[in-house]
mmCIF file of all heavy atoms, coordinates in Angstrom:
data_MODEL
# 
_entry.id   MODEL 
# 
loop_
_atom_site.group_PDB 
_atom_site.id 
_atom_site.type_symbol 
_atom_site.label_atom_id 
_atom_site.label_alt_id 
_atom_site.label_comp_id 
_atom_site.label_asym_id 
_atom_site.label_entity_id 
_atom_site.label_seq_id 
_atom_site.pdbx_PDB_ins_code 
_atom_site.Cartn_x 
_atom_site.Cartn_y 
_atom_site.Cartn_z 
_atom_site.occupancy 
_atom_site.B_iso_or_equiv 
_atom_site.pdbx_formal_charge 
_atom_site.auth_seq_id 
_atom_site.auth_comp_id 
_atom_site.auth_asym_id 
_atom_site.auth_atom_id 
_atom_site.pdbx_PDB_model_num 
ATOM 1   N N   . MET A 1 1  ? 0.830  -1.200 0.000   1.00 0.00 ? 1  MET A N   1 
ATOM 2   C CA  . MET A 1 1  ? 0.000  0.000  0.000   1.00 0.00 ? 1  MET A CA  1 
ATOM 3   C C   . MET A 1 1  ? 0.869  1.256  0.000   1.00 0.00 ? 1  MET A C   1 
ATOM 4   O O   . MET A 1 1  ? 0.549  2.256  -0.662  1.00 0.00 ? 1  MET A O   1 
ATOM 5   C CB  . MET A 1 1  ? -0.935 0.000  1.217   1.00 0.00 ? 1  MET A CB  1 
ATOM 6   C CG  . MET A 1 1  ? -2.055 -1.022 1.137   1.00 0.00 ? 1  MET A CG  1 
ATOM 7   S SD  . MET A 1 1  ? -3.124 -0.755 -0.308  1.00 0.00 ? 1  MET A SD  1 
ATOM 8   C CE  . MET A 1 1  ? -4.438 -1.929 0.007   1.00 0.00 ? 1  MET A CE  1 
ATOM 9   N N   . ALA A 1 2  ? 1.982  1.224  0.734   1.00 0.00 ? 2  ALA A N   1 
ATOM 10  C CA  . ALA A 1 2  ? 2.892  2.369  0.717   1.00 0.00 ? 2  ALA A CA  1 
ATOM 11  C C   . ALA A 1 2  ? 3.468  2.579  -0.674  1.00 0.00 ? 2  ALA A C   1 
ATOM 12  O O   . ALA A 1 2  ? 3.615  3.715  -1.148  1.00 0.00 ? 2  ALA A O   1 
ATOM 13  C CB  . ALA A 1 2  ? 4.013  2.158  1.736   1.00 0.00 ? 2  ALA A CB  1 
ATOM 14  N N   . CYS A 1 3  ? 3.790  1.469  -1.356  1.00 0.00 ? 3  CYS A N   1 
ATOM 15  C CA  . CYS A 1 3  ? 4.302  1.542  -2.720  1.00 0.00 ? 3  CYS A CA  1 
ATOM 16  C C   . CYS A 1 3  ? 3.245  2.150  -3.645  1.00 0.00 ? 3  CYS A C   1 
ATOM 17  O O   . CYS A 1 3  ? 3.542  3.028  -4.462  1.00 0.00 ? 3  CYS A O   1 
ATOM 18  C CB  . CYS A 1 3  ? 4.697  0.141  -3.199  1.00 0.00 ? 3  CYS A CB  1 
ATOM 19  S SG  . CYS A 1 3  ? 5.183  0.045  -4.938  1.00 0.00 ? 3  CYS A SG  1 
ATOM 20  N N   . LEU A 1 4  ? 1.995  1.715  -3.481  1.00 0.00 ? 4  LEU A N   1 
ATOM 21  C CA  . LEU A 1 4  ? 0.917  2.262  -4.313  1.00 0.00 ? 4  LEU A CA  1 
ATOM 22  C C   . LEU A 1 4  ? 0.687  3.747  -4.023  1.00 0.00 ? 4  LEU A C   1 
ATOM 23  O O   . LEU A 1 4  ? 0.392  4.526  -4.930  1.00 0.00 ? 4  LEU A O   1 
ATOM 24  C CB  . LEU A 1 4  ? -0.371 1.473  -4.075  1.00 0.00 ? 4  LEU A CB  1 
ATOM 25  C CG  . LEU A 1 4  ? -0.406 0.069  -4.690  1.00 0.00 ? 4  LEU A CG  1 
ATOM 26  C CD1 . LEU A 1 4  ? -1.600 -0.721 -4.162  1.00 0.00 ? 4  LEU A CD1 1 
ATOM 27  C CD2 . LEU A 1 4  ? -0.460 0.144  -6.211  1.00 0.00 ? 4  LEU A CD2 1 
ATOM 28  N N   . ASP A 1 5  ? 0.829  4.132  -2.762  1.00 0.00 ? 5  ASP A N   1 
ATOM 29  C CA  . ASP A 1 5  ? 0.702  5.549  -2.430  1.00 0.00 ? 5  ASP A CA  1 
ATOM 30  C C   . ASP A 1 5  ? 1.782  6.371  -3.118  1.00 0.00 ? 5  ASP A C   1 
ATOM 31  O O   . ASP A 1 5  ? 1.525  7.492  -3.592  1.00 0.00 ? 5  ASP A O   1 
ATOM 32  C CB  . ASP A 1 5  ? 0.779  5.746  -0.915  1.00 0.00 ? 5  ASP A CB  1 
ATOM 33  C CG  . ASP A 1 5  ? -0.468 5.246  -0.198  1.00 0.00 ? 5  ASP A CG  1 
ATOM 34  O OD1 . ASP A 1 5  ? -1.491 5.054  -0.888  1.00 0.00 ? 5  ASP A OD1 1 
ATOM 35  O OD2 . ASP A 1 5  ? -0.420 5.044  1.028   1.00 0.00 ? 5  ASP A OD2 1 
ATOM 36  N N   . ARG A 1 6  ? 3.000  5.817  -3.186  1.00 0.00 ? 6  ARG A N   1 
ATOM 37  C CA  . ARG A 1 6  ? 4.080  6.536  -3.859  1.00 0.00 ? 6  ARG A CA  1 
ATOM 38  C C   . ARG A 1 6  ? 3.783  6.682  -5.355  1.00 0.00 ? 6  ARG A C   1 
ATOM 39  O O   . ARG A 1 6  ? 4.010  7.742  -5.946  1.00 0.00 ? 6  ARG A O   1 
ATOM 40  C CB  . ARG A 1 6  ? 5.415  5.810  -3.656  1.00 0.00 ? 6  ARG A CB  1 
ATOM 41  C CG  . ARG A 1 6  ? 5.937  5.879  -2.233  1.00 0.00 ? 6  ARG A CG  1 
ATOM 42  C CD  . ARG A 1 6  ? 7.394  5.454  -2.176  1.00 0.00 ? 6  ARG A CD  1 
ATOM 43  N NE  . ARG A 1 6  ? 7.592  4.061  -2.531  1.00 0.00 ? 6  ARG A NE  1 
ATOM 44  C CZ  . ARG A 1 6  ? 7.510  3.049  -1.677  1.00 0.00 ? 6  ARG A CZ  1 
ATOM 45  N NH1 . ARG A 1 6  ? 7.189  3.281  -0.403  1.00 0.00 ? 6  ARG A NH1 1 
ATOM 46  N NH2 . ARG A 1 6  ? 7.722  1.806  -2.067  1.00 0.00 ? 6  ARG A NH2 1 
ATOM 47  N N   . GLU A 1 7  ? 3.253  5.619  -5.950  1.00 0.00 ? 7  GLU A N   1 
ATOM 48  C CA  . GLU A 1 7  ? 2.932  5.692  -7.386  1.00 0.00 ? 7  GLU A CA  1 
ATOM 49  C C   . GLU A 1 7  ? 1.784  6.658  -7.642  1.00 0.00 ? 7  GLU A C   1 
ATOM 50  O O   . GLU A 1 7  ? 1.755  7.356  -8.666  1.00 0.00 ? 7  GLU A O   1 
ATOM 51  C CB  . GLU A 1 7  ? 2.577  4.296  -7.908  1.00 0.00 ? 7  GLU A CB  1 
ATOM 52  C CG  . GLU A 1 7  ? 3.711  3.292  -7.833  1.00 0.00 ? 7  GLU A CG  1 
ATOM 53  C CD  . GLU A 1 7  ? 5.015  3.856  -8.356  1.00 0.00 ? 7  GLU A CD  1 
ATOM 54  O OE1 . GLU A 1 7  ? 5.011  4.517  -9.412  1.00 0.00 ? 7  GLU A OE1 1 
ATOM 55  O OE2 . GLU A 1 7  ? 6.055  3.669  -7.696  1.00 0.00 ? 7  GLU A OE2 1 
ATOM 56  N N   . LEU A 1 8  ? 0.834  6.731  -6.696  1.00 0.00 ? 8  LEU A N   1 
ATOM 57  C CA  . LEU A 1 8  ? -0.256 7.683  -6.860  1.00 0.00 ? 8  LEU A CA  1 
ATOM 58  C C   . LEU A 1 8  ? 0.270  9.120  -6.731  1.00 0.00 ? 8  LEU A C   1 
ATOM 59  O O   . LEU A 1 8  ? -0.202 10.026 -7.419  1.00 0.00 ? 8  LEU A O   1 
ATOM 60  C CB  . LEU A 1 8  ? -1.350 7.417  -5.820  1.00 0.00 ? 8  LEU A CB  1 
ATOM 61  C CG  . LEU A 1 8  ? -2.663 8.192  -6.013  1.00 0.00 ? 8  LEU A CG  1 
ATOM 62  C CD1 . LEU A 1 8  ? -3.275 7.875  -7.376  1.00 0.00 ? 8  LEU A CD1 1 
ATOM 63  C CD2 . LEU A 1 8  ? -3.650 7.860  -4.899  1.00 0.00 ? 8  LEU A CD2 1 
ATOM 64  N N   . SER A 1 9  ? 1.268  9.305  -5.865  1.00 0.00 ? 9  SER A N   1 
ATOM 65  C CA  . SER A 1 9  ? 1.891  10.628 -5.754  1.00 0.00 ? 9  SER A CA  1 
ATOM 66  C C   . SER A 1 9  ? 2.557  11.024 -7.061  1.00 0.00 ? 9  SER A C   1 
ATOM 67  O O   . SER A 1 9  ? 2.478  12.185 -7.496  1.00 0.00 ? 9  SER A O   1 
ATOM 68  C CB  . SER A 1 9  ? 2.922  10.637 -4.620  1.00 0.00 ? 9  SER A CB  1 
ATOM 69  O OG  . SER A 1 9  ? 2.305  10.486 -3.362  1.00 0.00 ? 9  SER A OG  1 
ATOM 70  N N   . ARG A 1 10 ? 3.204  10.062 -7.710  1.00 0.00 ? 10 ARG A N   1 
ATOM 71  C CA  . ARG A 1 10 ? 3.833  10.347 -9.003  1.00 0.00 ? 10 ARG A CA  1 
ATOM 72  C C   . ARG A 1 10 ? 2.782  10.718 -10.056 1.00 0.00 ? 10 ARG A C   1 
ATOM 73  O O   . ARG A 1 10 ? 2.966  11.629 -10.852 1.00 0.00 ? 10 ARG A O   1 
ATOM 74  C CB  . ARG A 1 10 ? 4.643  9.139  -9.472  1.00 0.00 ? 10 ARG A CB  1 
ATOM 75  C CG  . ARG A 1 10 ? 5.923  8.884  -8.698  1.00 0.00 ? 10 ARG A CG  1 
ATOM 76  C CD  . ARG A 1 10 ? 6.791  7.853  -9.391  1.00 0.00 ? 10 ARG A CD  1 
ATOM 77  N NE  . ARG A 1 10 ? 8.040  7.635  -8.687  1.00 0.00 ? 10 ARG A NE  1 
ATOM 78  C CZ  . ARG A 1 10 ? 8.247  6.697  -7.781  1.00 0.00 ? 10 ARG A CZ  1 
ATOM 79  N NH1 . ARG A 1 10 ? 7.268  5.859  -7.478  1.00 0.00 ? 10 ARG A NH1 1 
ATOM 80  N NH2 . ARG A 1 10 ? 9.403  6.575  -7.182  1.00 0.00 ? 10 ARG A NH2 1 
ATOM 81  N N   . MET A 1 11 ? 1.674  9.963  -10.039 1.00 0.00 ? 11 MET A N   1 
ATOM 82  C CA  . MET A 1 11 ? 0.616  10.259 -11.002 1.00 0.00 ? 11 MET A CA  1 
ATOM 83  C C   . MET A 1 11 ? 0.032  11.650 -10.738 1.00 0.00 ? 11 MET A C   1 
ATOM 84  O O   . MET A 1 11 ? -0.208 12.424 -11.675 1.00 0.00 ? 11 MET A O   1 
ATOM 85  C CB  . MET A 1 11 ? -0.480 9.195  -10.906 1.00 0.00 ? 11 MET A CB  1 
ATOM 86  C CG  . MET A 1 11 ? -1.617 9.402  -11.899 1.00 0.00 ? 11 MET A CG  1 
ATOM 87  S SD  . MET A 1 11 ? -2.875 8.115  -11.775 1.00 0.00 ? 11 MET A SD  1 
ATOM 88  C CE  . MET A 1 11 ? -4.026 8.664  -13.048 1.00 0.00 ? 11 MET A CE  1 
ATOM 89  N N   . HIS A 1 12 ? -0.194 11.968 -9.457  1.00 0.00 ? 12 HIS A N   1 
ATOM 90  C CA  . HIS A 1 12 ? -0.724 13.277 -9.101  1.00 0.00 ? 12 HIS A CA  1 
ATOM 91  C C   . HIS A 1 12 ? 0.202  14.387 -9.567  1.00 0.00 ? 12 HIS A C   1 
ATOM 92  O O   . HIS A 1 12 ? -0.233 15.390 -10.157 1.00 0.00 ? 12 HIS A O   1 
ATOM 93  C CB  . HIS A 1 12 ? -0.918 13.343 -7.581  1.00 0.00 ? 12 HIS A CB  1 
ATOM 94  C CG  . HIS A 1 12 ? -1.623 14.592 -7.128  1.00 0.00 ? 12 HIS A CG  1 
ATOM 95  N ND1 . HIS A 1 12 ? -1.628 15.012 -5.816  1.00 0.00 ? 12 HIS A ND1 1 
ATOM 96  C CD2 . HIS A 1 12 ? -2.338 15.520 -7.823  1.00 0.00 ? 12 HIS A CD2 1 
ATOM 97  C CE1 . HIS A 1 12 ? -2.319 16.146 -5.725  1.00 0.00 ? 12 HIS A CE1 1 
ATOM 98  N NE2 . HIS A 1 12 ? -2.761 16.462 -6.925  1.00 0.00 ? 12 HIS A NE2 1 
ATOM 99  N N   . ALA A 1 13 ? 1.504  14.188 -9.321  1.00 0.00 ? 13 ALA A N   1 
ATOM 100 C CA  . ALA A 1 13 ? 2.482  15.188 -9.742  1.00 0.00 ? 13 ALA A CA  1 
ATOM 101 C C   . ALA A 1 13 ? 2.501  15.337 -11.257 1.00 0.00 ? 13 ALA A C   1 
ATOM 102 O O   . ALA A 1 13 ? 2.610  16.454 -11.788 1.00 0.00 ? 13 ALA A O   1 
ATOM 103 C CB  . ALA A 1 13 ? 3.869  14.805 -9.227  1.00 0.00 ? 13 ALA A CB  1 
ATOM 104 N N   . THR A 1 14 ? 2.371  14.219 -11.955 1.00 0.00 ? 14 THR A N   1 
ATOM 105 C CA  . THR A 1 14 ? 2.382  14.260 -13.419 1.00 0.00 ? 14 THR A CA  1 
ATOM 106 C C   . THR A 1 14 ? 1.190  15.036 -13.957 1.00 0.00 ? 14 THR A C   1 
ATOM 107 O O   . THR A 1 14 ? 1.327  15.878 -14.850 1.00 0.00 ? 14 THR A O   1 
ATOM 108 C CB  . THR A 1 14 ? 2.385  12.827 -13.980 1.00 0.00 ? 14 THR A CB  1 
ATOM 109 O OG1 . THR A 1 14 ? 3.569  12.156 -13.548 1.00 0.00 ? 14 THR A OG1 1 
ATOM 110 C CG2 . THR A 1 14 ? 2.342  12.832 -15.495 1.00 0.00 ? 14 THR A CG2 1 
ATOM 111 N N   . VAL A 1 15 ? 0.005  14.757 -13.418 1.00 0.00 ? 15 VAL A N   1 
ATOM 112 C CA  . VAL A 1 15 ? -1.197 15.465 -13.863 1.00 0.00 ? 15 VAL A CA  1 
ATOM 113 C C   . VAL A 1 15 ? -1.062 16.959 -13.588 1.00 0.00 ? 15 VAL A C   1 
ATOM 114 O O   . VAL A 1 15 ? -1.375 17.801 -14.452 1.00 0.00 ? 15 VAL A O   1 
ATOM 115 C CB  . VAL A 1 15 ? -2.443 14.896 -13.159 1.00 0.00 ? 15 VAL A CB  1 
ATOM 116 C CG1 . VAL A 1 15 ? -3.680 15.754 -13.461 1.00 0.00 ? 15 VAL A CG1 1 
ATOM 117 C CG2 . VAL A 1 15 ? -2.688 13.460 -13.595 1.00 0.00 ? 15 VAL A CG2 1 
ATOM 118 N N   . ARG A 1 16 ? -0.567 17.307 -12.396 1.00 0.00 ? 16 ARG A N   1 
ATOM 119 C CA  . ARG A 1 16 ? -0.455 18.724 -12.033 1.00 0.00 ? 16 ARG A CA  1 
ATOM 120 C C   . ARG A 1 16 ? 0.573  19.444 -12.903 1.00 0.00 ? 16 ARG A C   1 
ATOM 121 O O   . ARG A 1 16 ? 0.319  20.552 -13.406 1.00 0.00 ? 16 ARG A O   1 
ATOM 122 C CB  . ARG A 1 16 ? -0.063 18.835 -10.554 1.00 0.00 ? 16 ARG A CB  1 
ATOM 123 C CG  . ARG A 1 16 ? 0.072  20.269 -10.055 1.00 0.00 ? 16 ARG A CG  1 
ATOM 124 C CD  . ARG A 1 16 ? 0.047  20.307 -8.534  1.00 0.00 ? 16 ARG A CD  1 
ATOM 125 N NE  . ARG A 1 16 ? 1.093  19.464 -7.963  1.00 0.00 ? 16 ARG A NE  1 
ATOM 126 C CZ  . ARG A 1 16 ? 2.350  19.871 -7.762  1.00 0.00 ? 16 ARG A CZ  1 
ATOM 127 N NH1 . ARG A 1 16 ? 2.713  21.090 -8.107  1.00 0.00 ? 16 ARG A NH1 1 
ATOM 128 N NH2 . ARG A 1 16 ? 3.221  19.066 -7.218  1.00 0.00 ? 16 ARG A NH2 1 
ATOM 129 N N   . VAL A 1 17 ? 1.736  18.818 -13.096 1.00 0.00 ? 17 VAL A N   1 
ATOM 130 C CA  . VAL A 1 17 ? 2.802  19.462 -13.875 1.00 0.00 ? 17 VAL A CA  1 
ATOM 131 C C   . VAL A 1 17 ? 2.388  19.620 -15.334 1.00 0.00 ? 17 VAL A C   1 
ATOM 132 O O   . VAL A 1 17 ? 2.622  20.666 -15.951 1.00 0.00 ? 17 VAL A O   1 
ATOM 133 C CB  . VAL A 1 17 ? 4.114  18.670 -13.756 1.00 0.00 ? 17 VAL A CB  1 
ATOM 134 C CG1 . VAL A 1 17 ? 5.149  19.182 -14.747 1.00 0.00 ? 17 VAL A CG1 1 
ATOM 135 C CG2 . VAL A 1 17 ? 4.657  18.768 -12.335 1.00 0.00 ? 17 VAL A CG2 1 
ATOM 136 N N   . LEU A 1 18 ? 1.757  18.588 -15.900 1.00 0.00 ? 18 LEU A N   1 
ATOM 137 C CA  . LEU A 1 18 ? 1.354  18.666 -17.306 1.00 0.00 ? 18 LEU A CA  1 
ATOM 138 C C   . LEU A 1 18 ? 0.221  19.673 -17.513 1.00 0.00 ? 18 LEU A C   1 
ATOM 139 O O   . LEU A 1 18 ? 0.108  20.271 -18.584 1.00 0.00 ? 18 LEU A O   1 
ATOM 140 C CB  . LEU A 1 18 ? 0.935  17.288 -17.817 1.00 0.00 ? 18 LEU A CB  1 
ATOM 141 C CG  . LEU A 1 18 ? 2.063  16.269 -17.960 1.00 0.00 ? 18 LEU A CG  1 
ATOM 142 C CD1 . LEU A 1 18 ? 1.524  14.947 -18.493 1.00 0.00 ? 18 LEU A CD1 1 
ATOM 143 C CD2 . LEU A 1 18 ? 3.155  16.789 -18.889 1.00 0.00 ? 18 LEU A CD2 1 
ATOM 144 N N   . THR A 1 19 ? -0.609 19.867 -16.499 1.00 0.00 ? 19 THR A N   1 
ATOM 145 C CA  . THR A 1 19 ? -1.664 20.874 -16.607 1.00 0.00 ? 19 THR A CA  1 
ATOM 146 C C   . THR A 1 19 ? -1.067 22.279 -16.662 1.00 0.00 ? 19 THR A C   1 
ATOM 147 O O   . THR A 1 19 ? -1.630 23.183 -17.280 1.00 0.00 ? 19 THR A O   1 
ATOM 148 C CB  . THR A 1 19 ? -2.634 20.753 -15.418 1.00 0.00 ? 19 THR A CB  1 
ATOM 149 O OG1 . THR A 1 19 ? -3.182 19.430 -15.387 1.00 0.00 ? 19 THR A OG1 1 
ATOM 150 C CG2 . THR A 1 19 ? -3.782 21.754 -15.534 1.00 0.00 ? 19 THR A CG2 1 
ATOM 151 N N   . GLU A 1 20 ? 0.106  22.437 -16.040 1.00 0.00 ? 20 GLU A N   1 
ATOM 152 C CA  . GLU A 1 20 ? 0.783  23.739 -16.025 1.00 0.00 ? 20 GLU A CA  1 
ATOM 153 C C   . GLU A 1 20 ? 1.865  23.843 -17.098 1.00 0.00 ? 20 GLU A C   1 
ATOM 154 O O   . GLU A 1 20 ? 2.520  24.878 -17.206 1.00 0.00 ? 20 GLU A O   1 
ATOM 155 C CB  . GLU A 1 20 ? 1.434  23.962 -14.652 1.00 0.00 ? 20 GLU A CB  1 
ATOM 156 C CG  . GLU A 1 20 ? 0.461  23.873 -13.474 1.00 0.00 ? 20 GLU A CG  1 
ATOM 157 C CD  . GLU A 1 20 ? 1.171  23.776 -12.133 1.00 0.00 ? 20 GLU A CD  1 
ATOM 158 O OE1 . GLU A 1 20 ? 2.421  23.689 -12.154 1.00 0.00 ? 20 GLU A OE1 1 
ATOM 159 O OE2 . GLU A 1 20 ? 0.493  23.782 -11.096 1.00 0.00 ? 20 GLU A OE2 1 
ATOM 160 N N   . ALA A 1 21 ? 2.067  22.796 -17.886 1.00 0.00 ? 21 ALA A N   1 
ATOM 161 C CA  . ALA A 1 21 ? 3.218  22.726 -18.790 1.00 0.00 ? 21 ALA A CA  1 
ATOM 162 C C   . ALA A 1 21 ? 3.133  23.743 -19.916 1.00 0.00 ? 21 ALA A C   1 
ATOM 163 O O   . ALA A 1 21 ? 2.039  24.152 -20.330 1.00 0.00 ? 21 ALA A O   1 
ATOM 164 C CB  . ALA A 1 21 ? 3.329  21.320 -19.377 1.00 0.00 ? 21 ALA A CB  1 
ATOM 165 N N   . ASP A 1 22 ? 4.321  24.110 -20.429 1.00 0.00 ? 22 ASP A N   1 
ATOM 166 C CA  . ASP A 1 22 ? 4.356  24.973 -21.604 1.00 0.00 ? 22 ASP A CA  1 
ATOM 167 C C   . ASP A 1 22 ? 4.203  24.116 -22.859 1.00 0.00 ? 22 ASP A C   1 
ATOM 168 O O   . ASP A 1 22 ? 4.017  22.897 -22.789 1.00 0.00 ? 22 ASP A O   1 
ATOM 169 C CB  . ASP A 1 22 ? 5.659  25.781 -21.649 1.00 0.00 ? 22 ASP A CB  1 
ATOM 170 C CG  . ASP A 1 22 ? 6.908  24.903 -21.678 1.00 0.00 ? 22 ASP A CG  1 
ATOM 171 O OD1 . ASP A 1 22 ? 6.790  23.693 -21.976 1.00 0.00 ? 22 ASP A OD1 1 
ATOM 172 O OD2 . ASP A 1 22 ? 8.000  25.428 -21.406 1.00 0.00 ? 22 ASP A OD2 1 
ATOM 173 N N   . ALA A 1 23 ? 4.288  24.753 -24.033 1.00 0.00 ? 23 ALA A N   1 
ATOM 174 C CA  . ALA A 1 23 ? 4.033  24.042 -25.287 1.00 0.00 ? 23 ALA A CA  1 
ATOM 175 C C   . ALA A 1 23 ? 5.043  22.917 -25.510 1.00 0.00 ? 23 ALA A C   1 
ATOM 176 O O   . ALA A 1 23 ? 4.678  21.816 -25.942 1.00 0.00 ? 23 ALA A O   1 
ATOM 177 C CB  . ALA A 1 23 ? 4.074  25.026 -26.464 1.00 0.00 ? 23 ALA A CB  1 
ATOM 178 N N   . ASN A 1 24 ? 6.316  23.164 -25.207 1.00 0.00 ? 24 ASN A N   1 
ATOM 179 C CA  . ASN A 1 24 ? 7.336  22.138 -25.429 1.00 0.00 ? 24 ASN A CA  1 
ATOM 180 C C   . ASN A 1 24 ? 7.095  20.922 -24.548 1.00 0.00 ? 24 ASN A C   1 
ATOM 181 O O   . ASN A 1 24 ? 7.204  19.782 -24.989 1.00 0.00 ? 24 ASN A O   1 
ATOM 182 C CB  . ASN A 1 24 ? 8.732  22.713 -25.156 1.00 0.00 ? 24 ASN A CB  1 
ATOM 183 C CG  . ASN A 1 24 ? 9.157  23.718 -26.204 1.00 0.00 ? 24 ASN A CG  1 
ATOM 184 O OD1 . ASN A 1 24 ? 8.724  23.631 -27.350 1.00 0.00 ? 24 ASN A OD1 1 
ATOM 185 N ND2 . ASN A 1 24 ? 9.980  24.674 -25.826 1.00 0.00 ? 24 ASN A ND2 1 
ATOM 186 N N   . ALA A 1 25 ? 6.775  21.167 -23.284 1.00 0.00 ? 25 ALA A N   1 
ATOM 187 C CA  . ALA A 1 25 ? 6.500  20.051 -22.379 1.00 0.00 ? 25 ALA A CA  1 
ATOM 188 C C   . ALA A 1 25 ? 5.216  19.336 -22.760 1.00 0.00 ? 25 ALA A C   1 
ATOM 189 O O   . ALA A 1 25 ? 5.114  18.103 -22.631 1.00 0.00 ? 25 ALA A O   1 
ATOM 190 C CB  . ALA A 1 25 ? 6.421  20.557 -20.939 1.00 0.00 ? 25 ALA A CB  1 
ATOM 191 N N   . ALA A 1 26 ? 4.221  20.087 -23.243 1.00 0.00 ? 26 ALA A N   1 
ATOM 192 C CA  . ALA A 1 26 ? 2.943  19.473 -23.623 1.00 0.00 ? 26 ALA A CA  1 
ATOM 193 C C   . ALA A 1 26 ? 3.146  18.429 -24.722 1.00 0.00 ? 26 ALA A C   1 
ATOM 194 O O   . ALA A 1 26 ? 2.531  17.361 -24.706 1.00 0.00 ? 26 ALA A O   1 
ATOM 195 C CB  . ALA A 1 26 ? 1.959  20.542 -24.084 1.00 0.00 ? 26 ALA A CB  1 
ATOM 196 N N   . LEU A 1 27 ? 4.020  18.727 -25.671 1.00 0.00 ? 27 LEU A N   1 
ATOM 197 C CA  . LEU A 1 27 ? 4.250  17.790 -26.768 1.00 0.00 ? 27 LEU A CA  1 
ATOM 198 C C   . LEU A 1 27 ? 4.922  16.513 -26.277 1.00 0.00 ? 27 LEU A C   1 
ATOM 199 O O   . LEU A 1 27 ? 4.856  15.477 -26.947 1.00 0.00 ? 27 LEU A O   1 
ATOM 200 C CB  . LEU A 1 27 ? 5.115  18.448 -27.845 1.00 0.00 ? 27 LEU A CB  1 
ATOM 201 C CG  . LEU A 1 27 ? 4.455  19.616 -28.585 1.00 0.00 ? 27 LEU A CG  1 
ATOM 202 C CD1 . LEU A 1 27 ? 5.415  20.219 -29.594 1.00 0.00 ? 27 LEU A CD1 1 
ATOM 203 C CD2 . LEU A 1 27 ? 3.185  19.158 -29.286 1.00 0.00 ? 27 LEU A CD2 1 
# 
C-alpha cells in the first residue's frame, strides 16, 4: 500500500505538472 501511495503521488504530480506545462512540455 505504501508503494501504491508513492505511485499515486507520481501520477498526481504528473497530472499537475502537465496541466501547467508549456508548449514544449505538452508535446
